[in-house]
Amino acid sequence: MLILNVTPFQPVTLQLTGIPGMQAGQAWVALVFCILYLISIIGNLTILALVIKESALRQPMYYFLSVLSLNDLGVSFSTLPTVLATFCFNYRRVGFDACLVQMFFIHTFSFMESGILLAMSFDRFVAICDPLRYATMLPNNRIMAMGLCILAKSFTTLFPFPFLVKRLPFCKGNVLHHSFCLHPDLMKVACGDIHVNNIYGLFVVVFTYGIDSTFILLSYVLILRAVLAIASQEQQLKALNTCMSHICAVLAFYVPIIAVSMIHRFWKSAPPVVHVMMSNVYLFVTPHAQPHHLQCENKGDTQRDTQSLL
């Protein structure tokens, strides 16, 4: 009797792809990515060094900025191996288990960034709405506890993803659409029942991006109400100026996410290069833009400016 092998098929390796239609200019694409990685890594390391070295920067806002820089370094180093292998060495294969590990870290650091931006919005809320209690409400141990809670939340919510993917059979090929591993990309080549993955993925998105963005928006509504209550227009501008770096970080993070979601939802017939480029923008713009936030924040001492609003 012929015994059929019903063991779910999982490829030993997966095939990564570059940017469709740009094979001829791959050397220039590799150069651009290398420059972006260098700017991101050197810039974020510089921020960390400055905060550690300069005693004037040892304040809650800069501690949160340091955590954001560490997270952006995590995003960069998570994508670095496969992106450079794909574009610089034309090596497009990645082991299945290695792909799952990369997927986990990319999504974990991305979701952590949302939590860090929420913590920074709370910092701005306290600094502007209750400046006299700013130092007492955000001591170092509380900042550390907030950072650990963000890490624990992201780790625990993303931890099931590799196992949910591991249980699926893959019979639609082994070619991914990016130079790194993402959960939606893996779902496109899985041929089993992916309802659990989709439902849990939606839950994680709502539980993180949805809740975090709602509270960030709420904090800025309260901040704006407090600023409008200030009689002096000069003091109003000074108060809003202390939020500019955080607003830039929020826009750099959420605008690409919204754009990617809208394209996947309403423009499914878009050329593959559009999806690939938007995903690259989502993962590369924020770590690249982050080193400029400190320069924006250095325009004035945070605690001094907020206390002068009284």
Protein backbone atom coordinates (compact mmCIF):
# COMPACT_ATOMS: atom_id res chain seq x y z
CA MET A 1 0.00 0.00 0.00
CA LEU A 2 1.24 3.47 -0.87
CA ILE A 3 1.62 5.57 2.24
CA LEU A 4 1.15 9.26 1.60
CA ASN A 5 3.35 11.74 3.39
CA VAL A 6 0.98 14.21 5.03
CA THR A 7 3.67 16.03 6.99
CA PRO A 8 3.29 19.77 6.36
CA PHE A 9 5.92 20.94 3.91
CA GLN A 10 8.26 23.68 5.08
CA PRO A 11 11.06 24.83 2.81
CA VAL A 12 14.61 24.60 4.08
CA THR A 13 15.34 28.04 2.64
CA LEU A 14 13.31 30.98 1.41
CA GLN A 15 14.12 33.17 -1.56
CA LEU A 16 14.37 36.91 -0.92
CA THR A 17 13.87 39.52 -3.64
CA GLY A 18 15.19 42.98 -4.24
CA ILE A 19 13.28 45.87 -5.81
CA PRO A 20 11.34 44.80 -8.93
CA GLY A 21 12.46 46.51 -12.12
CA MET A 22 15.70 47.82 -10.65
CA GLN A 23 18.00 44.86 -11.28
CA ALA A 24 20.18 46.95 -13.61
CA GLY A 25 20.68 49.62 -10.95
CA GLN A 26 21.19 47.23 -8.05
CA ALA A 27 24.66 48.62 -7.31
CA TRP A 28 23.19 52.09 -6.78
CA VAL A 29 20.41 50.67 -4.59
CA ALA A 30 23.03 48.86 -2.51
CA LEU A 31 24.97 52.13 -2.14
CA VAL A 32 21.85 53.98 -0.98
CA PHE A 33 21.02 51.31 1.59
CA CYS A 34 24.60 51.29 2.90
CA ILE A 35 24.51 55.07 3.32
CA LEU A 36 21.15 54.89 5.12
CA TYR A 37 22.45 52.19 7.45
CA LEU A 38 25.58 54.21 8.23
CA ILE A 39 23.59 57.36 8.94
CA SER A 40 21.14 55.47 11.15
CA ILE A 41 23.74 53.53 13.13
CA ILE A 42 26.24 56.37 13.57
CA GLY A 43 23.50 58.91 14.31
CA ASN A 44 21.76 56.80 16.95
CA LEU A 45 25.07 55.81 18.56
CA THR A 46 25.95 59.51 18.71
CA ILE A 47 22.69 60.26 20.50
CA LEU A 48 23.41 57.55 23.07
CA ALA A 49 26.95 58.83 23.59
CA LEU A 50 25.77 62.43 24.04
CA VAL A 51 23.09 61.51 26.57
CA ILE A 52 25.60 59.44 28.56
CA LYS A 53 28.36 62.06 28.39
CA GLU A 54 26.43 65.34 28.81
CA SER A 55 24.98 65.82 32.29
CA ALA A 56 22.61 68.52 30.96
CA LEU A 57 20.87 65.84 28.87
CA ARG A 58 20.14 63.53 31.79
CA GLN A 59 16.45 64.33 31.83
CA PRO A 60 13.39 62.14 31.19
CA MET A 61 12.86 63.36 27.62
CA TYR A 62 16.41 62.47 26.63
CA TYR A 63 16.22 59.12 28.39
CA PHE A 64 13.18 58.28 26.29
CA LEU A 65 15.05 59.53 23.24
CA SER A 66 17.91 57.15 24.13
CA VAL A 67 15.49 54.23 24.37
CA LEU A 68 14.08 55.22 20.97
CA SER A 69 17.61 55.27 19.54
CA LEU A 70 18.32 51.81 20.96
CA ASN A 71 15.11 50.55 19.40
CA ASP A 72 15.99 52.05 16.02
CA LEU A 73 19.38 50.35 16.21
CA GLY A 74 17.49 47.11 16.82
CA VAL A 75 15.40 47.67 13.68
CA SER A 76 18.52 48.43 11.63
CA PHE A 77 20.47 45.40 12.83
CA SER A 78 17.43 43.14 12.35
CA THR A 79 17.20 43.92 8.64
CA LEU A 80 20.92 44.53 7.99
CA PRO A 81 22.11 40.92 7.29
CA THR A 82 19.57 39.99 4.61
CA VAL A 83 19.33 43.45 2.99
CA LEU A 84 23.09 43.71 2.51
CA ALA A 85 23.32 40.07 1.41
CA THR A 86 20.59 40.67 -1.19
CA PHE A 87 21.78 43.96 -2.66
CA CYS A 88 25.55 43.87 -2.07
CA PHE A 89 26.39 40.18 -2.57
CA ASN A 90 23.36 39.03 -4.60
CA TYR A 91 22.80 36.24 -2.06
CA ARG A 92 19.05 35.88 -1.77
CA ARG A 93 18.52 32.77 0.36
CA VAL A 94 17.68 32.67 4.04
CA GLY A 95 17.01 29.65 6.22
CA PHE A 96 13.38 29.12 7.20
CA ASP A 97 14.08 29.24 10.94
CA ALA A 98 16.40 32.23 10.50
CA CYS A 99 13.59 33.96 8.61
CA LEU A 100 11.21 33.38 11.51
CA VAL A 101 13.75 34.83 13.95
CA GLN A 102 14.23 37.92 11.78
CA MET A 103 10.47 38.33 11.41
CA PHE A 104 10.05 38.21 15.18
CA PHE A 105 12.69 40.86 15.87
CA ILE A 106 11.56 43.20 13.08
CA HIS A 107 7.96 43.18 14.30
CA THR A 108 8.97 43.32 17.98
CA PHE A 109 11.13 46.41 17.53
CA SER A 110 8.46 48.03 15.34
CA PHE A 111 5.77 47.51 17.97
CA MET A 112 8.15 48.65 20.71
CA GLU A 113 8.62 51.94 18.88
CA SER A 114 4.91 52.62 19.11
CA GLY A 115 5.03 52.09 22.88
CA ILE A 116 8.09 54.32 23.25
CA LEU A 117 6.35 57.11 21.33
CA LEU A 118 3.38 56.75 23.69
CA ALA A 119 5.71 57.07 26.71
CA MET A 120 7.27 60.17 25.15
CA SER A 121 3.82 61.70 24.65
CA PHE A 122 3.14 61.17 28.37
CA ASP A 123 6.45 62.89 29.08
CA ARG A 124 5.39 65.91 26.98
CA PHE A 125 1.97 65.95 28.65
CA VAL A 126 3.48 66.11 32.15
CA ALA A 127 6.13 68.63 31.13
CA ILE A 128 3.58 71.10 29.72
CA CYS A 129 0.47 70.46 31.82
CA ASP A 130 2.15 69.94 35.20
CA PRO A 131 5.74 71.23 34.92
CA LEU A 132 6.34 71.64 38.67
CA ARG A 133 5.84 67.89 39.19
CA TYR A 134 7.78 66.90 36.06
CA ALA A 135 10.89 65.62 37.88
CA THR A 136 8.96 63.91 40.68
CA MET A 137 6.50 62.15 38.34
CA LEU A 138 9.22 60.81 36.06
CA PRO A 139 12.16 59.66 38.21
CA ASN A 140 14.76 57.32 36.74
CA ASN A 141 13.27 54.17 38.27
CA ARG A 142 9.84 54.95 36.81
CA ILE A 143 11.35 55.58 33.37
CA MET A 144 13.17 52.23 33.62
CA ALA A 145 9.94 50.50 34.67
CA MET A 146 8.09 52.03 31.70
CA GLY A 147 10.80 50.83 29.34
CA LEU A 148 10.67 47.30 30.74
CA CYS A 149 6.87 47.26 30.46
CA ILE A 150 7.09 48.30 26.79
CA LEU A 151 9.64 45.55 26.15
CA ALA A 152 7.58 42.92 27.98
CA LYS A 153 4.38 43.92 26.18
CA SER A 154 5.97 43.74 22.73
CA PHE A 155 7.81 40.50 23.45
CA THR A 156 4.79 38.65 24.85
CA THR A 157 2.38 39.78 22.12
CA LEU A 158 4.81 38.93 19.28
CA PHE A 159 6.21 35.70 20.78
CA PRO A 160 3.42 33.44 19.37
CA PHE A 161 3.98 34.58 15.77
CA PRO A 162 6.94 32.29 14.89
CA PHE A 163 5.06 29.28 16.24
CA LEU A 164 1.86 30.22 14.41
CA VAL A 165 3.87 30.41 11.18
CA LYS A 166 5.85 27.24 11.95
CA ARG A 167 2.68 25.12 12.08
CA LEU A 168 1.65 26.07 8.53
CA PRO A 169 2.48 24.16 5.34
CA PHE A 170 4.10 26.12 2.53
CA CYS A 171 3.13 24.93 -0.93
CA LYS A 172 2.86 28.20 -2.88
CA GLY A 173 6.58 28.44 -3.46
CA ASN A 174 9.34 29.90 -1.35
CA VAL A 175 9.80 33.34 -2.93
CA LEU A 176 9.19 36.33 -0.65
CA HIS A 177 8.56 39.83 -1.94
CA HIS A 178 11.10 41.70 0.16
CA SER A 179 14.76 41.53 1.14
CA PHE A 180 13.72 40.71 4.72
CA CYS A 181 11.09 38.54 6.38
CA LEU A 182 7.69 39.91 7.36
CA HIS A 183 4.65 38.05 8.65
CA PRO A 184 2.25 39.21 5.86
CA ASP A 185 4.83 38.16 3.27
CA LEU A 186 5.06 34.65 4.72
CA MET A 187 1.27 34.36 4.75
CA LYS A 188 1.24 34.85 0.96
CA VAL A 189 3.21 31.62 0.40
CA ALA A 190 1.45 29.57 3.10
CA CYS A 191 -1.30 27.27 1.87
CA GLY A 192 -2.83 26.11 5.15
CA ASP A 193 -5.56 27.71 7.25
CA ILE A 194 -4.20 31.17 8.07
CA HIS A 195 -7.32 32.49 9.81
CA VAL A 196 -5.72 32.18 13.24
CA ASN A 197 -2.66 34.10 12.05
CA ASN A 198 -4.79 36.84 10.50
CA ILE A 199 -7.08 37.19 13.51
CA TYR A 200 -4.21 37.25 15.99
CA GLY A 201 -2.30 39.67 13.76
CA LEU A 202 -5.30 42.02 13.71
CA PHE A 203 -5.60 41.74 17.50
CA VAL A 204 -1.92 42.65 17.96
CA VAL A 205 -2.19 45.63 15.60
CA VAL A 206 -5.27 46.98 17.40
CA PHE A 207 -3.79 46.21 20.84
CA THR A 208 -0.58 48.11 20.05
CA TYR A 209 -0.85 50.61 17.20
CA GLY A 210 -4.54 51.27 17.79
CA ILE A 211 -4.36 51.86 21.55
CA ASP A 212 -1.00 53.65 21.45
CA SER A 213 -2.02 56.05 18.67
CA THR A 214 -5.32 56.80 20.44
CA PHE A 215 -3.57 57.76 23.68
CA ILE A 216 -0.93 59.77 21.78
CA LEU A 217 -3.71 61.73 20.09
CA LEU A 218 -5.50 62.19 23.41
CA SER A 219 -2.33 63.49 25.08
CA TYR A 220 -1.88 66.09 22.35
CA VAL A 221 -5.51 67.19 22.64
CA LEU A 222 -4.88 67.84 26.34
CA ILE A 223 -1.54 69.51 25.59
CA LEU A 224 -3.17 71.77 22.99
CA ARG A 225 -5.91 72.71 25.44
CA ALA A 226 -3.29 73.62 28.06
CA VAL A 227 -1.25 75.62 25.54
CA LEU A 228 -4.28 77.59 24.32
CA ALA A 229 -4.98 78.55 27.92
CA ILE A 230 -1.65 80.41 28.05
CA ALA A 231 -2.14 84.14 27.54
CA SER A 232 1.18 84.92 25.86
CA GLN A 233 1.57 83.82 22.25
CA GLU A 234 5.33 83.64 22.74
CA GLN A 235 4.88 81.20 25.61
CA GLN A 236 2.46 79.18 23.50
CA LEU A 237 5.05 78.82 20.74
CA LYS A 238 7.72 77.93 23.29
CA ALA A 239 5.50 75.19 24.72
CA LEU A 240 4.74 73.73 21.30
CA ASN A 241 8.45 73.92 20.40
CA THR A 242 9.26 71.43 23.16
CA CYS A 243 6.99 68.90 21.39
CA MET A 244 8.38 69.27 17.88
CA SER A 245 10.90 66.44 18.01
CA HIS A 246 8.26 64.03 19.32
CA ILE A 247 5.72 65.14 16.70
CA CYS A 248 8.33 64.55 13.98
CA ALA A 249 9.02 61.05 15.35
CA VAL A 250 5.31 60.20 15.51
CA LEU A 251 4.72 61.37 11.93
CA ALA A 252 7.82 59.53 10.64
CA PHE A 253 6.54 56.34 12.27
CA TYR A 254 2.78 56.37 11.69
CA VAL A 255 2.51 57.99 8.24
CA PRO A 256 4.35 55.10 6.46
CA ILE A 257 2.30 52.55 8.43
CA ILE A 258 -0.97 54.21 7.38
CA ALA A 259 0.24 54.48 3.77
CA VAL A 260 1.23 50.79 3.63
CA SER A 261 -2.14 49.77 5.14
CA MET A 262 -4.10 51.93 2.70
CA ILE A 263 -2.20 50.53 -0.30
CA HIS A 264 -2.73 46.92 0.80
CA ARG A 265 -6.40 47.62 1.50
CA PHE A 266 -7.53 49.79 -1.41
CA TRP A 267 -4.86 49.40 -4.12
CA LYS A 268 -4.36 45.65 -4.34
CA SER A 269 -3.62 45.93 -8.06
CA ALA A 270 -0.64 48.21 -7.40
CA PRO A 271 2.64 47.17 -9.07
CA PRO A 272 4.87 45.03 -6.81
CA VAL A 273 7.47 47.80 -6.73
CA VAL A 274 4.98 50.05 -4.89
CA HIS A 275 4.45 47.54 -2.08
CA VAL A 276 8.18 46.87 -1.80
CA MET A 277 9.14 50.55 -1.75
CA MET A 278 6.52 51.44 0.86
CA SER A 279 7.67 48.59 3.11
CA ASN A 280 11.26 49.79 2.74
CA VAL A 281 10.20 53.34 3.62
CA TYR A 282 8.36 51.99 6.68
CA LEU A 283 11.47 50.19 7.97
CA PHE A 284 14.19 52.61 6.86
CA VAL A 285 12.80 56.15 7.14
CA THR A 286 12.28 56.19 10.91
CA PRO A 287 15.76 54.92 11.90
CA HIS A 288 17.24 57.30 9.33
CA ALA A 289 15.25 60.31 10.57
CA GLN A 290 15.77 59.59 14.27
CA PRO A 291 19.29 61.13 14.57
CA HIS A 292 17.82 64.53 13.63
CA HIS A 293 15.41 64.56 16.58
CA LEU A 294 18.10 65.42 19.11
CA GLN A 295 19.13 68.46 17.09
CA CYS A 296 15.53 69.63 17.08
CA GLU A 297 15.23 69.03 20.81
CA ASN A 298 18.49 70.87 21.56
CA LYS A 299 16.88 74.18 20.62
CA GLY A 300 16.01 74.64 24.27
CA ASP A 301 16.32 72.89 27.56
CA THR A 302 13.09 70.93 28.07
CA GLN A 303 12.65 71.38 31.78
CA ARG A 304 13.65 75.08 31.71
CA ASP A 305 11.23 75.88 28.88
CA THR A 306 8.28 74.08 30.42
CA GLN A 307 8.78 75.55 33.86
CA SER A 308 8.97 79.04 32.34
CA LEU A 309 5.40 78.62 31.15
CA LEU A 310 4.05 79.26 34.64
